[in-house]
Amino acid sequence: MTSPTRPHRNFYGRLKGKTLKRSQKAWLDEDLAALSPGPVSWEENPQRQPLDPGRLFGGRPVWLEVGFGGGEHMVHQAAAHPEVGIIGAEPYINGVAMLLGKIRRAGLENLAVHPGDARDLMDVLPAASISRAFLLYPDPWPKTRHHRRRFVTPEHLRPLARAMRSGAILRVATDIPDYVRQTLQEVPRAGFDWLAEGPRDWREPWEDWLPTRYERKALREGRVPHYLTFRRV
């Protein structure tokens, strides 16, 4: 069988920050492989064979967090919802290490971690396999010439929509007004309905929300969070 042609994908975010602590290196060495959702990378899976996320979590519904940062929200959701499995994608290796430490301390077994580009993961997620997705405080890329790098563009939203089942919920949190504008413009075009009925629906956080460190920083600096909820058509 001929392997699919690997698409050219620019990546603009950070892959690594400060030097990892000895404990963080140990978590990466000892825990990361066991938490893999399966062969995702082009080197591991050149045929782009679909993953089986239902099998990964014993048939439980599967949620996806794109860019989990330090992992606090992902761990919180996994602990609050043991009836689901959650896959997180994050290319920033320092954030991956932080998440692994949180998973160890919480003793959770319903999480999987892809330490790389979410687009590679979405390539191999089966259609209509995701029941909920989270995009929380994504990189705002504030300069106008960089807006095409944002996640809320067709390059990212089309594969996300394909992977989400009809009726699945997408949550987007951001403190950047122009990111709100672009989200409300692009996400419905990708096949989602915005569920807000009034201002409280985007001004107040979700009932099971855990403020992230990015949100706390935004509040300290006087920026206003927005909480946008969409449903896959």
Protein backbone atom coordinates (compact mmCIF):
# COMPACT_ATOMS: atom_id res chain seq x y z
CA MET A 1 0.00 0.00 0.00
CA THR A 2 1.31 3.45 -0.88
CA SER A 3 1.71 5.76 2.10
CA PRO A 4 -0.22 9.05 1.99
CA THR A 5 1.84 12.11 1.17
CA ARG A 6 2.80 13.96 4.29
CA PRO A 7 1.34 17.50 4.12
CA HIS A 8 3.62 20.47 4.65
CA ARG A 9 2.72 22.00 8.00
CA ASN A 10 4.42 24.98 9.53
CA PHE A 11 4.60 24.96 13.30
CA TYR A 12 5.03 28.30 15.06
CA GLY A 13 4.67 27.60 18.78
CA ARG A 14 7.29 26.71 21.37
CA LEU A 15 8.46 23.13 21.69
CA LYS A 16 10.59 23.52 24.80
CA GLY A 17 11.18 26.11 27.52
CA LYS A 18 13.34 26.07 30.62
CA THR A 19 15.54 23.09 31.42
CA LEU A 20 13.43 20.25 32.74
CA LYS A 21 13.79 19.18 36.34
CA ARG A 22 15.13 15.72 37.07
CA SER A 23 11.67 14.59 38.19
CA GLN A 24 10.10 15.88 34.98
CA LYS A 25 12.64 14.03 32.86
CA ALA A 26 11.82 10.87 34.81
CA TRP A 27 8.09 11.29 34.18
CA LEU A 28 8.74 11.66 30.46
CA ASP A 29 11.00 8.59 30.41
CA GLU A 30 8.81 6.40 32.60
CA ASP A 31 5.20 7.43 31.94
CA LEU A 32 4.75 9.03 28.53
CA ALA A 33 4.92 5.93 26.32
CA ALA A 34 2.28 4.12 28.37
CA LEU A 35 -0.07 7.08 28.02
CA SER A 36 0.18 7.29 24.24
CA PRO A 37 -3.14 7.06 22.40
CA GLY A 38 -1.40 4.92 19.76
CA PRO A 39 0.81 5.47 16.71
CA VAL A 40 0.18 9.09 15.76
CA SER A 41 3.34 10.46 14.19
CA TRP A 42 4.09 10.02 10.49
CA GLU A 43 7.17 8.00 11.41
CA GLU A 44 5.15 5.57 13.55
CA ASN A 45 2.07 5.51 11.33
CA PRO A 46 2.97 6.36 7.73
CA GLN A 47 -0.20 4.74 6.40
CA ARG A 48 -2.26 7.00 8.70
CA GLN A 49 -4.22 4.06 10.05
CA PRO A 50 -7.02 5.29 12.32
CA LEU A 51 -6.68 4.98 16.07
CA ASP A 52 -9.34 3.17 18.08
CA PRO A 53 -10.02 5.60 20.94
CA GLY A 54 -13.05 3.61 22.11
CA ARG A 55 -10.86 0.57 22.65
CA LEU A 56 -8.25 2.74 24.35
CA PHE A 57 -10.74 3.70 27.05
CA GLY A 58 -12.84 0.55 27.18
CA GLY A 59 -15.69 1.87 25.07
CA ARG A 60 -16.15 5.08 27.07
CA PRO A 61 -16.96 8.35 25.28
CA VAL A 62 -13.82 10.20 24.25
CA TRP A 63 -13.05 13.88 24.81
CA LEU A 64 -10.19 15.89 23.31
CA GLU A 65 -8.25 18.84 24.72
CA VAL A 66 -6.20 20.75 22.16
CA GLY A 67 -3.19 22.46 23.73
CA PHE A 68 -3.57 21.51 27.40
CA GLY A 69 -0.87 23.86 28.69
CA GLY A 70 0.16 22.62 32.13
CA GLY A 71 -2.64 20.05 32.19
CA GLU A 72 -4.60 21.29 35.21
CA HIS A 73 -7.91 21.50 33.37
CA MET A 74 -7.44 18.12 31.70
CA VAL A 75 -6.70 16.39 35.02
CA HIS A 76 -9.64 18.16 36.66
CA GLN A 77 -12.03 16.99 33.94
CA ALA A 78 -10.70 13.42 34.04
CA ALA A 79 -11.17 13.25 37.81
CA ALA A 80 -14.66 14.77 37.62
CA HIS A 81 -15.75 12.52 34.73
CA PRO A 82 -14.37 9.00 35.19
CA GLU A 83 -17.04 7.79 32.79
CA VAL A 84 -15.13 9.29 29.84
CA GLY A 85 -11.61 9.08 28.43
CA ILE A 86 -9.69 12.24 27.52
CA ILE A 87 -6.93 12.62 24.95
CA GLY A 88 -4.74 15.70 25.20
CA ALA A 89 -2.47 17.12 22.49
CA GLU A 90 0.36 19.48 23.42
CA PRO A 91 3.68 20.00 21.59
CA TYR A 92 5.30 22.02 24.41
CA ILE A 93 7.33 19.37 26.21
CA ASN A 94 7.52 21.32 29.48
CA GLY A 95 3.71 21.33 29.62
CA VAL A 96 3.64 17.61 28.87
CA ALA A 97 6.03 16.98 31.76
CA MET A 98 3.86 19.06 34.10
CA LEU A 99 0.80 17.07 33.08
CA LEU A 100 2.55 13.75 33.70
CA GLY A 101 3.37 14.82 37.24
CA LYS A 102 -0.26 15.79 37.85
CA ILE A 103 -1.47 12.44 36.49
CA ARG A 104 0.88 10.59 38.83
CA ARG A 105 -0.32 12.51 41.85
CA ALA A 106 -3.99 12.10 40.92
CA GLY A 107 -3.68 8.40 40.07
CA LEU A 108 -5.90 8.77 37.00
CA GLU A 109 -6.30 6.06 34.36
CA ASN A 110 -8.65 7.72 31.86
CA LEU A 111 -6.15 9.99 30.12
CA ALA A 112 -3.99 9.70 27.01
CA VAL A 113 -1.28 12.12 25.90
CA HIS A 114 -0.04 13.07 22.43
CA PRO A 115 3.11 15.20 22.83
CA GLY A 116 2.90 16.83 19.44
CA ASP A 117 0.88 18.74 16.87
CA ALA A 118 -2.87 18.27 17.26
CA ARG A 119 -3.20 18.16 13.46
CA ASP A 120 -1.23 14.90 13.35
CA LEU A 121 -3.56 13.44 15.99
CA MET A 122 -6.69 14.55 14.16
CA ASP A 123 -5.36 12.86 11.00
CA VAL A 124 -5.78 9.47 12.67
CA LEU A 125 -8.85 10.00 14.83
CA PRO A 126 -11.82 8.21 13.27
CA ALA A 127 -14.67 10.32 11.99
CA ALA A 128 -17.31 11.10 14.62
CA SER A 129 -15.21 9.63 17.43
CA ILE A 130 -14.99 12.66 19.76
CA SER A 131 -17.86 13.60 22.05
CA ARG A 132 -16.43 16.84 23.48
CA ALA A 133 -13.47 19.08 22.68
CA PHE A 134 -11.75 21.90 24.52
CA LEU A 135 -9.71 24.79 23.13
CA LEU A 136 -8.69 26.84 26.16
CA TYR A 137 -6.67 30.04 25.95
CA PRO A 138 -4.97 29.15 22.67
CA ASP A 139 -2.04 31.21 21.45
CA PRO A 140 -3.69 34.50 20.39
CA TRP A 141 -1.17 35.47 17.69
CA PRO A 142 -2.22 39.11 18.13
CA LYS A 143 -0.56 40.62 15.04
CA THR A 144 -2.89 40.77 12.05
CA ARG A 145 -0.39 39.08 9.75
CA HIS A 146 -0.27 36.12 12.16
CA HIS A 147 -4.03 35.52 12.47
CA ARG A 148 -3.75 32.67 9.97
CA ARG A 149 -1.67 30.82 12.58
CA ARG A 150 -4.57 30.70 15.02
CA PHE A 151 -6.30 27.41 15.69
CA VAL A 152 -9.67 28.83 14.64
CA THR A 153 -8.87 28.60 10.93
CA PRO A 154 -10.16 26.07 8.38
CA GLU A 155 -6.84 24.18 8.44
CA HIS A 156 -7.55 23.14 12.02
CA LEU A 157 -11.32 23.35 12.27
CA ARG A 158 -12.13 21.09 9.32
CA PRO A 159 -10.29 18.04 10.74
CA LEU A 160 -11.63 18.78 14.21
CA ALA A 161 -15.19 18.89 12.90
CA ARG A 162 -14.66 15.62 11.03
CA ALA A 163 -13.49 13.91 14.22
CA MET A 164 -16.43 15.16 16.31
CA ARG A 165 -19.76 13.37 16.31
CA SER A 166 -23.03 15.15 15.61
CA GLY A 167 -24.20 16.84 18.80
CA ALA A 168 -20.69 16.94 20.32
CA ILE A 169 -19.78 20.04 22.33
CA LEU A 170 -16.81 22.33 21.61
CA ARG A 171 -15.74 24.73 24.35
CA VAL A 172 -13.49 27.69 23.56
CA ALA A 173 -12.11 30.03 26.23
CA THR A 174 -10.11 33.14 25.40
CA ASP A 175 -9.42 36.59 26.83
CA ILE A 176 -8.62 38.19 23.46
CA PRO A 177 -11.57 40.11 21.88
CA ASP A 178 -10.32 39.63 18.33
CA TYR A 179 -9.95 35.90 18.95
CA VAL A 180 -13.60 35.89 20.01
CA ARG A 181 -14.48 37.63 16.76
CA GLN A 182 -12.58 35.14 14.62
CA THR A 183 -13.95 32.19 16.59
CA LEU A 184 -17.54 33.31 16.13
CA GLN A 185 -16.86 33.81 12.42
CA GLU A 186 -14.98 30.61 11.63
CA VAL A 187 -16.32 27.91 13.95
CA PRO A 188 -19.93 28.06 12.63
CA ARG A 189 -18.56 27.88 9.08
CA ALA A 190 -16.89 24.60 10.03
CA GLY A 191 -20.20 22.99 11.01
CA PHE A 192 -21.02 24.15 14.54
CA ASP A 193 -23.87 26.08 16.15
CA TRP A 194 -23.10 28.70 18.80
CA LEU A 195 -25.31 27.89 21.80
CA ALA A 196 -25.39 31.26 23.55
CA GLU A 197 -28.83 32.68 24.30
CA GLY A 198 -27.68 35.70 26.29
CA PRO A 199 -24.60 37.50 27.66
CA ARG A 200 -24.32 35.23 30.71
CA ASP A 201 -23.62 32.33 28.36
CA TRP A 202 -20.26 33.78 27.32
CA ARG A 203 -19.45 35.88 30.39
CA GLU A 204 -19.77 33.16 33.01
CA PRO A 205 -17.64 30.00 33.07
CA TRP A 206 -19.02 26.52 32.70
CA GLU A 207 -20.27 24.82 35.89
CA ASP A 208 -17.40 22.31 35.89
CA TRP A 209 -14.78 24.90 34.98
CA LEU A 210 -11.36 25.03 36.63
CA PRO A 211 -9.53 28.34 36.12
CA THR A 212 -6.19 27.75 34.41
CA ARG A 213 -2.96 29.59 35.14
CA TYR A 214 -3.44 31.44 31.85
CA GLU A 215 -6.83 32.68 32.98
CA ARG A 216 -5.47 33.83 36.33
CA LYS A 217 -2.77 35.78 34.51
CA ALA A 218 -5.38 37.36 32.20
CA LEU A 219 -7.47 38.46 35.17
CA ARG A 220 -4.44 39.93 36.94
CA GLU A 221 -3.67 41.93 33.81
CA GLY A 222 -7.25 43.17 33.46
CA ARG A 223 -8.38 41.08 30.50
CA VAL A 224 -11.89 39.62 30.39
CA PRO A 225 -12.38 35.89 29.74
CA HIS A 226 -15.00 34.73 27.26
CA TYR A 227 -16.52 31.24 27.37
CA LEU A 228 -17.93 30.12 24.03
CA THR A 229 -19.92 26.91 23.62
CA PHE A 230 -20.65 25.29 20.25
CA ARG A 231 -22.46 22.14 19.17
CA ARG A 232 -21.41 20.05 16.19
CA VAL A 233 -24.22 20.01 13.65
